[in-house]
PDB file of N, CA and C in Angstrom:
ATOM      1  N   MET A   1     -13.866   5.139  -6.195  1.00  0.00           N
ATOM      2  CA  MET A   1     -13.172   6.063  -4.912  1.00  0.00           C
ATOM      3  C   MET A   1     -12.301   7.054  -5.388  1.00  0.00           C
ATOM      4  N   LYS A   2     -12.411   8.224  -4.263  1.00  0.00           N
ATOM      5  CA  LYS A   2     -11.137   9.047  -5.048  1.00  0.00           C
ATOM      6  C   LYS A   2      -9.680   8.463  -4.250  1.00  0.00           C
ATOM      7  N   ASN A   3      -9.782   7.571  -2.944  1.00  0.00           N
ATOM      8  CA  ASN A   3      -8.285   7.673  -2.900  1.00  0.00           C
ATOM      9  C   ASN A   3      -8.496   5.759  -2.927  1.00  0.00           C
ATOM     10  N   PRO A   4      -7.107   5.533  -3.748  1.00  0.00           N
ATOM     11  CA  PRO A   4      -6.977   3.645  -4.061  1.00  0.00           C
ATOM     12  C   PRO A   4      -6.666   3.272  -2.864  1.00  0.00           C
ATOM     13  N   TRP A   5      -6.151   4.009  -1.984  1.00  0.00           N
ATOM     14  CA  TRP A   5      -5.437   3.110  -0.623  1.00  0.00           C
ATOM     15  C   TRP A   5      -6.633   2.697  -0.238  1.00  0.00           C
ATOM     16  N   ILE A   6      -7.993   3.367  -0.011  1.00  0.00           N
ATOM     17  CA  ILE A   6      -8.917   2.604   0.390  1.00  0.00           C
ATOM     18  C   ILE A   6      -9.338   1.627   0.117  1.00  0.00           C
ATOM     19  N   LEU A   7      -9.390   1.498  -0.799  1.00  0.00           N
ATOM     20  CA  LEU A   7     -10.448   0.530  -2.007  1.00  0.00           C
ATOM     21  C   LEU A   7      -9.232  -0.571  -1.817  1.00  0.00           C
ATOM     22  N   TYR A   8      -8.001  -0.499  -1.780  1.00  0.00           N
ATOM     23  CA  TYR A   8      -7.093  -1.377  -1.913  1.00  0.00           C
ATOM     24  C   TYR A   8      -6.909  -2.762  -0.925  1.00  0.00           C
ATOM     25  N   ILE A   9      -6.775  -1.455   0.249  1.00  0.00           N
ATOM     26  CA  ILE A   9      -6.659  -1.931   2.068  1.00  0.00           C
ATOM     27  C   ILE A   9      -8.309  -2.713   2.331  1.00  0.00           C
ATOM     28  N   THR A  10      -8.935  -2.034   1.796  1.00  0.00           N
ATOM     29  CA  THR A  10     -10.639  -2.999   1.910  1.00  0.00           C
ATOM     30  C   THR A  10     -10.603  -4.473   1.393  1.00  0.00           C
ATOM     31  N   ILE A  11      -9.991  -4.286   0.120  1.00  0.00           N
ATOM     32  CA  ILE A  11      -9.781  -5.424  -0.375  1.00  0.00           C
ATOM     33  C   ILE A  11      -9.044  -6.734   0.133  1.00  0.00           C
ATOM     34  N   ARG A  12      -7.608  -5.725   0.453  1.00  0.00           N
ATOM     35  CA  ARG A  12      -7.230  -6.984   1.139  1.00  0.00           C
ATOM     36  C   ARG A  12      -7.819  -7.424   2.360  1.00  0.00           C
ATOM     37  N   VAL A  13      -8.083  -6.557   3.044  1.00  0.00           N
ATOM     38  CA  VAL A  13      -8.169  -7.165   4.821  1.00  0.00           C
ATOM     39  C   VAL A  13      -9.625  -7.860   4.344  1.00  0.00           C
ATOM     40  N   GLY A  14     -10.656  -7.482   3.789  1.00  0.00           N
ATOM     41  CA  GLY A  14     -11.863  -8.187   3.434  1.00  0.00           C
ATOM     42  C   GLY A  14     -11.453  -9.988   3.148  1.00  0.00           C
ATOM     43  N   LEU A  15     -10.607  -9.929   1.878  1.00  0.00           N
ATOM     44  CA  LEU A  15     -10.037 -11.173   1.590  1.00  0.00           C
ATOM     45  C   LEU A  15      -9.550 -12.055   2.675  1.00  0.00           C
ATOM     46  N   PHE A  16      -8.686 -11.779   3.572  1.00  0.00           N
ATOM     47  CA  PHE A  16      -8.387 -12.069   4.531  1.00  0.00           C
ATOM     48  C   PHE A  16      -9.166 -12.522   5.237  1.00  0.00           C
ATOM     49  N   ALA A  17     -10.334 -11.344   5.346  1.00  0.00           N
ATOM     50  CA  ALA A  17     -11.060 -12.377   7.012  1.00  0.00           C
ATOM     51  C   ALA A  17     -12.171 -13.537   6.336  1.00  0.00           C
ATOM     52  N   VAL A  18     -12.430 -13.071   4.844  1.00  0.00           N
ATOM     53  CA  VAL A  18     -13.527 -14.152   4.586  1.00  0.00           C
ATOM     54  C   VAL A  18     -12.647 -15.693   4.685  1.00  0.00           C
ATOM     55  N   ILE A  19     -11.080 -15.667   4.215  1.00  0.00           N
ATOM     56  CA  ILE A  19     -10.514 -17.130   3.994  1.00  0.00           C
ATOM     57  C   ILE A  19     -10.188 -16.912   5.309  1.00  0.00           C
ATOM     58  N   LEU A  20      -9.893 -16.569   5.991  1.00  0.00           N
ATOM     59  CA  LEU A  20      -9.883 -17.048   7.969  1.00  0.00           C
ATOM     60  C   LEU A  20     -11.296 -17.182   8.381  1.00  0.00           C
ATOM     61  N   ALA A  21     -11.989 -16.876   8.139  1.00  0.00           N
ATOM     62  CA  ALA A  21     -13.607 -17.179   8.673  1.00  0.00           C
ATOM     63  C   ALA A  21     -14.000 -18.644   8.304  1.00  0.00           C
ATOM     64  N   VAL A  22     -13.602 -19.011   6.996  1.00  0.00           N
ATOM     65  CA  VAL A  22     -14.144 -20.214   6.352  1.00  0.00           C
ATOM     66  C   VAL A  22     -13.259 -21.267   7.295  1.00  0.00           C
ATOM     67  N   MET A  23     -11.619 -21.091   7.301  1.00  0.00           N
ATOM     68  CA  MET A  23     -10.982 -21.938   7.464  1.00  0.00           C
ATOM     69  C   MET A  23     -11.265 -22.272   8.967  1.00  0.00           C
ATOM     70  N   LEU A  24     -11.517 -21.293   9.730  1.00  0.00           N
ATOM     71  CA  LEU A  24     -11.899 -21.382  11.419  1.00  0.00           C
ATOM     72  C   LEU A  24     -13.448 -21.989  11.422  1.00  0.00           C
ATOM     73  N   MET A  25     -14.340 -22.120  10.436  1.00  0.00           N
ATOM     74  CA  MET A  25     -15.687 -22.409  10.367  1.00  0.00           C
ATOM     75  C   MET A  25     -15.054 -23.799   9.636  1.00  0.00           C
ATOM     76  N   LEU A  26     -14.220 -24.422   9.525  1.00  0.00           N
ATOM     77  CA  LEU A  26     -13.852 -25.969   8.813  1.00  0.00           C
ATOM     78  C   LEU A  26     -13.381 -26.184   9.876  1.00  0.00           C
ATOM     79  N   GLY A  27     -12.583 -25.526  11.033  1.00  0.00           N
ATOM     80  CA  GLY A  27     -12.226 -26.525  12.690  1.00  0.00           C
ATOM     81  C   GLY A  27     -10.204 -26.088  12.060  1.00  0.00           C
ATOM     82  N   PHE A  28      -9.899 -25.200  11.706  1.00  0.00           N
ATOM     83  CA  PHE A  28      -8.553 -25.163  11.990  1.00  0.00           C
ATOM     84  C   PHE A  28      -8.082 -24.618  12.625  1.00  0.00           C
ATOM     85  N   ASP A  29      -7.029 -24.783  13.108  1.00  0.00           N
ATOM     86  CA  ASP A  29      -6.219 -24.404  14.546  1.00  0.00           C
ATOM     87  C   ASP A  29      -5.828 -22.212  13.924  1.00  0.00           C
ATOM     88  N   PRO A  30      -6.332 -21.399  14.869  1.00  0.00           N
ATOM     89  CA  PRO A  30      -6.541 -20.401  14.806  1.00  0.00           C
ATOM     90  C   PRO A  30      -5.396 -19.698  14.228  1.00  0.00           C
ATOM     91  N   PHE A  31      -4.355 -19.925  14.534  1.00  0.00           N
ATOM     92  CA  PHE A  31      -3.057 -19.544  14.144  1.00  0.00           C
ATOM     93  C   PHE A  31      -2.585 -19.953  12.560  1.00  0.00           C
ATOM     94  N   PHE A  32      -2.824 -21.506  12.846  1.00  0.00           N
ATOM     95  CA  PHE A  32      -2.420 -21.818  11.189  1.00  0.00           C
ATOM     96  C   PHE A  32      -3.765 -21.093  10.392  1.00  0.00           C
ATOM     97  N   ALA A  33      -4.824 -21.534  10.600  1.00  0.00           N
ATOM     98  CA  ALA A  33      -5.403 -20.533   9.741  1.00  0.00           C
ATOM     99  C   ALA A  33      -5.560 -19.042   9.487  1.00  0.00           C
ATOM    100  N   ALA A  34      -5.017 -18.305  10.581  1.00  0.00           N
ATOM    101  CA  ALA A  34      -4.232 -16.767  10.165  1.00  0.00           C
ATOM    102  C   ALA A  34      -3.352 -17.060   9.349  1.00  0.00           C
ATOM    103  N   LEU A  35      -2.413 -17.843   9.364  1.00  0.00           N
ATOM    104  CA  LEU A  35      -1.294 -17.803   8.523  1.00  0.00           C
ATOM    105  C   LEU A  35      -1.747 -18.299   7.205  1.00  0.00           C
ATOM    106  N   ILE A  36      -1.914 -19.138   6.863  1.00  0.00           N
ATOM    107  CA  ILE A  36      -2.630 -19.433   5.671  1.00  0.00           C
ATOM    108  C   ILE A  36      -3.379 -18.587   4.968  1.00  0.00           C
ATOM    109  N   ALA A  37      -4.353 -18.059   6.156  1.00  0.00           N
ATOM    110  CA  ALA A  37      -5.037 -16.843   5.255  1.00  0.00           C
ATOM    111  C   ALA A  37      -4.788 -15.793   5.012  1.00  0.00           C
ATOM    112  N   ALA A  38      -3.418 -15.229   5.556  1.00  0.00           N
ATOM    113  CA  ALA A  38      -2.410 -14.411   4.980  1.00  0.00           C
ATOM    114  C   ALA A  38      -1.983 -14.266   3.922  1.00  0.00           C
ATOM    115  N   VAL A  39      -0.988 -15.815   3.465  1.00  0.00           N
ATOM    116  CA  VAL A  39      -0.271 -16.221   2.305  1.00  0.00           C
ATOM    117  C   VAL A  39      -1.779 -16.109   1.187  1.00  0.00           C
ATOM    118  N   VAL A  40      -2.191 -16.738   1.218  1.00  0.00           N
ATOM    119  CA  VAL A  40      -3.271 -16.795   0.038  1.00  0.00           C
ATOM    120  C   VAL A  40      -3.814 -15.817  -0.035  1.00  0.00           C
ATOM    121  N   SER A  41      -4.329 -14.778   1.064  1.00  0.00           N
ATOM    122  CA  SER A  41      -4.602 -13.516   0.434  1.00  0.00           C
ATOM    123  C   SER A  41      -3.773 -12.962  -0.555  1.00  0.00           C
ATOM    124  N   LEU A  42      -2.455 -12.531   0.240  1.00  0.00           N
ATOM    125  CA  LEU A  42      -1.336 -12.083  -0.590  1.00  0.00           C
ATOM    126  C   LEU A  42      -1.143 -12.882  -1.911  1.00  0.00           C
ATOM    127  N   ALA A  43      -1.241 -13.780  -1.889  1.00  0.00           N
ATOM    128  CA  ALA A  43      -1.151 -14.317  -3.587  1.00  0.00           C
ATOM    129  C   ALA A  43      -2.445 -14.017  -4.480  1.00  0.00           C
ATOM    130  N   ILE A  44      -3.390 -13.749  -4.107  1.00  0.00           N
ATOM    131  CA  ILE A  44      -4.443 -13.609  -4.495  1.00  0.00           C
ATOM    132  C   ILE A  44      -4.088 -12.362  -5.293  1.00  0.00           C
ATOM    133  N   SER A  45      -4.496 -11.471  -4.179  1.00  0.00           N
ATOM    134  CA  SER A  45      -3.812 -10.105  -4.490  1.00  0.00           C
ATOM    135  C   SER A  45      -2.749  -9.419  -5.435  1.00  0.00           C
ATOM    136  N   LEU A  46      -2.255 -10.424  -5.769  1.00  0.00           N
ATOM    137  CA  LEU A  46      -0.701 -10.297  -6.340  1.00  0.00           C
ATOM    138  C   LEU A  46      -1.132 -10.956  -7.692  1.00  0.00           C
ATOM    139  N   ILE A  47      -1.730 -11.703  -7.665  1.00  0.00           N
ATOM    140  CA  ILE A  47      -2.425 -11.840  -9.168  1.00  0.00           C
ATOM    141  C   ILE A  47      -3.873 -11.495  -9.807  1.00  0.00           C
ATOM    142  N   PHE A  48      -4.419 -11.057  -9.086  1.00  0.00           N
ATOM    143  CA  PHE A  48      -5.436 -10.654  -9.253  1.00  0.00           C
ATOM    144  C   PHE A  48      -5.969  -8.999  -9.267  1.00  0.00           C
ATOM    145  N   PHE A  49      -5.273  -8.420  -8.466  1.00  0.00           N
ATOM    146  CA  PHE A  49      -5.209  -6.925  -8.213  1.00  0.00           C
ATOM    147  C   PHE A  49      -4.399  -5.858  -9.003  1.00  0.00           C
ATOM    148  N   ASN A  50      -4.054  -6.242  -9.825  1.00  0.00           N
ATOM    149  CA  ASN A  50      -2.817  -5.535 -10.778  1.00  0.00           C
ATOM    150  C   ASN A  50      -3.528  -3.984 -10.468  1.00  0.00           C
ATOM    151  N   LYS A  51      -4.641  -4.142 -11.153  1.00  0.00           N
ATOM    152  CA  LYS A  51      -5.102  -2.563 -11.302  1.00  0.00           C
ATOM    153  C   LYS A  51      -5.009  -1.896 -10.331  1.00  0.00           C
ATOM    154  N   HIS A  52      -5.724  -2.447  -9.054  1.00  0.00           N
ATOM    155  CA  HIS A  52      -5.185  -1.603  -8.077  1.00  0.00           C
ATOM    156  C   HIS A  52      -4.307  -1.114  -7.299  1.00  0.00           C
ATOM    157  N   ARG A  53      -3.337  -2.438  -7.200  1.00  0.00           N
ATOM    158  CA  ARG A  53      -1.764  -2.077  -6.806  1.00  0.00           C
ATOM    159  C   ARG A  53      -1.124  -0.520  -7.813  1.00  0.00           C
ATOM    160  N   ASN A  54      -1.769  -0.588  -8.641  1.00  0.00           N
ATOM    161  CA  ASN A  54      -1.078   0.146  -9.559  1.00  0.00           C
ATOM    162  C   ASN A  54      -1.392   1.152  -9.193  1.00  0.00           C
ATOM    163  N   ALA A  55      -2.776   1.685  -8.989  1.00  0.00           N
ATOM    164  CA  ALA A  55      -3.372   2.642  -8.934  1.00  0.00           C
ATOM    165  C   ALA A  55      -2.774   3.721  -7.360  1.00  0.00           C
ATOM    166  N   VAL A  56      -2.584   2.706  -6.444  1.00  0.00           N
ATOM    167  CA  VAL A  56      -1.719   2.882  -5.778  1.00  0.00           C
ATOM    168  C   VAL A  56      -0.341   3.263  -5.611  1.00  0.00           C
ATOM    169  N   SER A  57       0.227   2.488  -6.230  1.00  0.00           N
ATOM    170  CA  SER A  57       1.680   3.122  -6.538  1.00  0.00           C
ATOM    171  C   SER A  57       1.727   4.263  -7.578  1.00  0.00           C
ATOM    172  N   GLU A  58       1.062   4.521  -7.933  1.00  0.00           N
ATOM    173  CA  GLU A  58       0.739   5.687  -8.704  1.00  0.00           C
ATOM    174  C   GLU A  58       0.136   6.978  -8.131  1.00  0.00           C
ATOM    175  N   ALA A  59      -0.433   6.579  -7.071  1.00  0.00           N
ATOM    176  CA  ALA A  59      -1.139   7.521  -6.088  1.00  0.00           C
ATOM    177  C   ALA A  59       0.438   8.027  -5.021  1.00  0.00           C
ATOM    178  N   ILE A  60       0.765   6.979  -4.942  1.00  0.00           N
ATOM    179  CA  ILE A  60       2.452   7.297  -4.148  1.00  0.00           C
ATOM    180  C   ILE A  60       3.171   8.112  -4.619  1.00  0.00           C
ATOM    181  N   TYR A  61       3.545   7.763  -6.163  1.00  0.00           N
ATOM    182  CA  TYR A  61       4.205   8.624  -6.922  1.00  0.00           C
ATOM    183  C   TYR A  61       4.278  10.372  -7.355  1.00  0.00           C
ATOM    184  N   ARG A  62       2.702  10.423  -7.253  1.00  0.00           N
ATOM    185  CA  ARG A  62       2.362  11.757  -7.398  1.00  0.00           C
ATOM    186  C   ARG A  62       2.367  12.463  -5.940  1.00  0.00           C
ATOM    187  N   SER A  63       1.826  11.765  -4.830  1.00  0.00           N
ATOM    188  CA  SER A  63       2.560  12.320  -3.711  1.00  0.00           C
ATOM    189  C   SER A  63       3.878  12.835  -3.129  1.00  0.00           C
ATOM    190  N   VAL A  64       4.611  11.876  -3.548  1.00  0.00           N
ATOM    191  CA  VAL A  64       6.287  12.186  -3.835  1.00  0.00           C
ATOM    192  C   VAL A  64       6.610  13.156  -4.407  1.00  0.00           C
ATOM    193  N   GLU A  65       6.360  13.550  -5.748  1.00  0.00           N
ATOM    194  CA  GLU A  65       6.659  14.408  -6.730  1.00  0.00           C
ATOM    195  C   GLU A  65       6.038  15.554  -6.441  1.00  0.00           C
ATOM    196  N   ASN A  66       4.535  15.650  -5.328  1.00  0.00           N
ATOM    197  CA  ASN A  66       4.348  17.092  -5.001  1.00  0.00           C
ATOM    198  C   ASN A  66       4.769  17.635  -4.155  1.00  0.00           C
ATOM    199  N   ARG A  67       5.483  16.907  -3.422  1.00  0.00           N
ATOM    200  CA  ARG A  67       6.350  16.788  -2.153  1.00  0.00           C
ATOM    201  C   ARG A  67       7.577  17.578  -2.601  1.00  0.00           C
ATOM    202  N   LYS A  68       8.392  17.016  -3.572  1.00  0.00           N
ATOM    203  CA  LYS A  68       9.582  17.659  -4.122  1.00  0.00           C
ATOM    204  C   LYS A  68       9.466  18.710  -4.749  1.00  0.00           C
ATOM    205  N   LYS A  69       8.016  19.524  -5.206  1.00  0.00           N
ATOM    206  CA  LYS A  69       7.957  20.404  -6.421  1.00  0.00           C
ATOM    207  C   LYS A  69       7.507  21.514  -4.581  1.00  0.00           C
ATOM    208  N   ASN A  70       7.302  21.362  -4.021  1.00  0.00           N
ATOM    209  CA  ASN A  70       6.736  22.357  -2.783  1.00  0.00           C
ATOM    210  C   ASN A  70       8.040  22.210  -1.884  1.00  0.00           C
ATOM    211  N   VAL A  71       8.680  21.737  -1.918  1.00  0.00           N
ATOM    212  CA  VAL A  71       9.967  21.925  -0.682  1.00  0.00           C
ATOM    213  C   VAL A  71      10.513  22.065  -1.845  1.00  0.00           C
ATOM    214  N   GLY A  72      11.370  23.200  -1.107  1.00  0.00           N
ATOM    215  CA  GLY A  72      13.003  23.923  -2.156  1.00  0.00           C
ATOM    216  C   GLY A  72      13.735  23.158  -1.333  1.00  0.00           C
ATOM    217  N   ASP A  73      15.020  23.105  -1.819  1.00  0.00           N
ATOM    218  CA  ASP A  73      16.270  22.387  -1.167  1.00  0.00           C
ATOM    219  C   ASP A  73      17.253  23.732  -0.627  1.00  0.00           C
ATOM    220  N   SER A  74      16.533  23.916   0.610  1.00  0.00           N
ATOM    221  CA  SER A  74      17.016  24.919   1.561  1.00  0.00           C
ATOM    222  C   SER A  74      18.006  24.693   1.788  1.00  0.00           C
ATOM    223  N   ASP A  75      19.287  23.697   1.930  1.00  0.00           N
ATOM    224  CA  ASP A  75      20.916  23.425   1.687  1.00  0.00           C
ATOM    225  C   ASP A  75      21.105  24.389   0.617  1.00  0.00           C
ATOM    226  N   SER A  76      20.982  24.105  -0.958  1.00  0.00           N
ATOM    227  CA  SER A  76      20.985  24.862  -2.265  1.00  0.00           C
ATOM    228  C   SER A  76      21.207  26.175  -2.430  1.00  0.00           C
ATOM    229  N   ASP A  77      19.715  26.159  -1.679  1.00  0.00           N
ATOM    230  CA  ASP A  77      19.696  27.752  -1.686  1.00  0.00           C
ATOM    231  C   ASP A  77      20.543  28.504  -0.855  1.00  0.00           C
ATOM    232  N   ALA A  78      20.961  28.169   0.513  1.00  0.00           N
ATOM    233  CA  ALA A  78      21.864  28.627   1.478  1.00  0.00           C
ATOM    234  C   ALA A  78      23.435  28.605   0.690  1.00  0.00           C
ATOM    235  N   GLU A  79      23.448  27.666  -0.071  1.00  0.00           N
ATOM    236  CA  GLU A  79      24.903  27.469  -0.860  1.00  0.00           C
ATOM    237  C   GLU A  79      24.999  28.690  -1.411  1.00  0.00           C
ATOM    238  N   ASP A  80      23.852  28.659  -2.531  1.00  0.00           N
ATOM    239  CA  ASP A  80      23.529  29.182  -3.780  1.00  0.00           C
ATOM    240  C   ASP A  80      24.458  31.268  -3.370  1.00  0.00           C
ATOM    241  N   SER A  81      23.437  31.210  -2.392  1.00  0.00           N
ATOM    242  CA  SER A  81      23.036  32.638  -1.972  1.00  0.00           C
ATOM    243  C   SER A  81      24.553  33.252  -1.275  1.00  0.00           C
ATOM    244  N   ALA A  82      25.334  32.390  -0.828  1.00  0.00           N
ATOM    245  CA  ALA A  82      26.897  32.236   0.023  1.00  0.00           C
ATOM    246  C   ALA A  82      27.586  32.666  -1.239  1.00  0.00           C
ATOM    247  N   SER A  83      27.624  31.683  -2.440  1.00  0.00           N
ATOM    248  CA  SER A  83      28.643  31.721  -3.180  1.00  0.00           C
ATOM    249  C   SER A  83      28.723  33.037  -4.197  1.00  0.00           C
ATOM    250  N   LYS A  84      27.217  33.675  -4.299  1.00  0.00           N
ATOM    251  CA  LYS A  84      27.069  35.124  -4.469  1.00  0.00           C
ATOM    252  C   LYS A  84      28.043  35.811  -3.909  1.00  0.00           C
ATOM    253  N   ASN A  85      28.197  35.985  -2.634  1.00  0.00           N
ATOM    254  CA  ASN A  85      28.526  37.137  -1.776  1.00  0.00           C
ATOM    255  C   ASN A  85      30.011  36.929  -1.924  1.00  0.00           C
TER     256      ASN A  85
END
């Protein structure tokens, strides 16, 4: 996939949905089933999905760096031009 965000979010939400569905079929209370499904899916994603999480963090880093390069520091530019006069 081109965007690592989509893959990682899809995996996390799918994992949560599967665990929640299994727990609801087993007759757990919906509130506690959702709570347990959230905790278990978080733990599983932290343990097994390092590669995907690293890809998302790299995408965030690249995005921030691109924005820093594309946006000039207008305050510094104004100060520099004022100090030259």
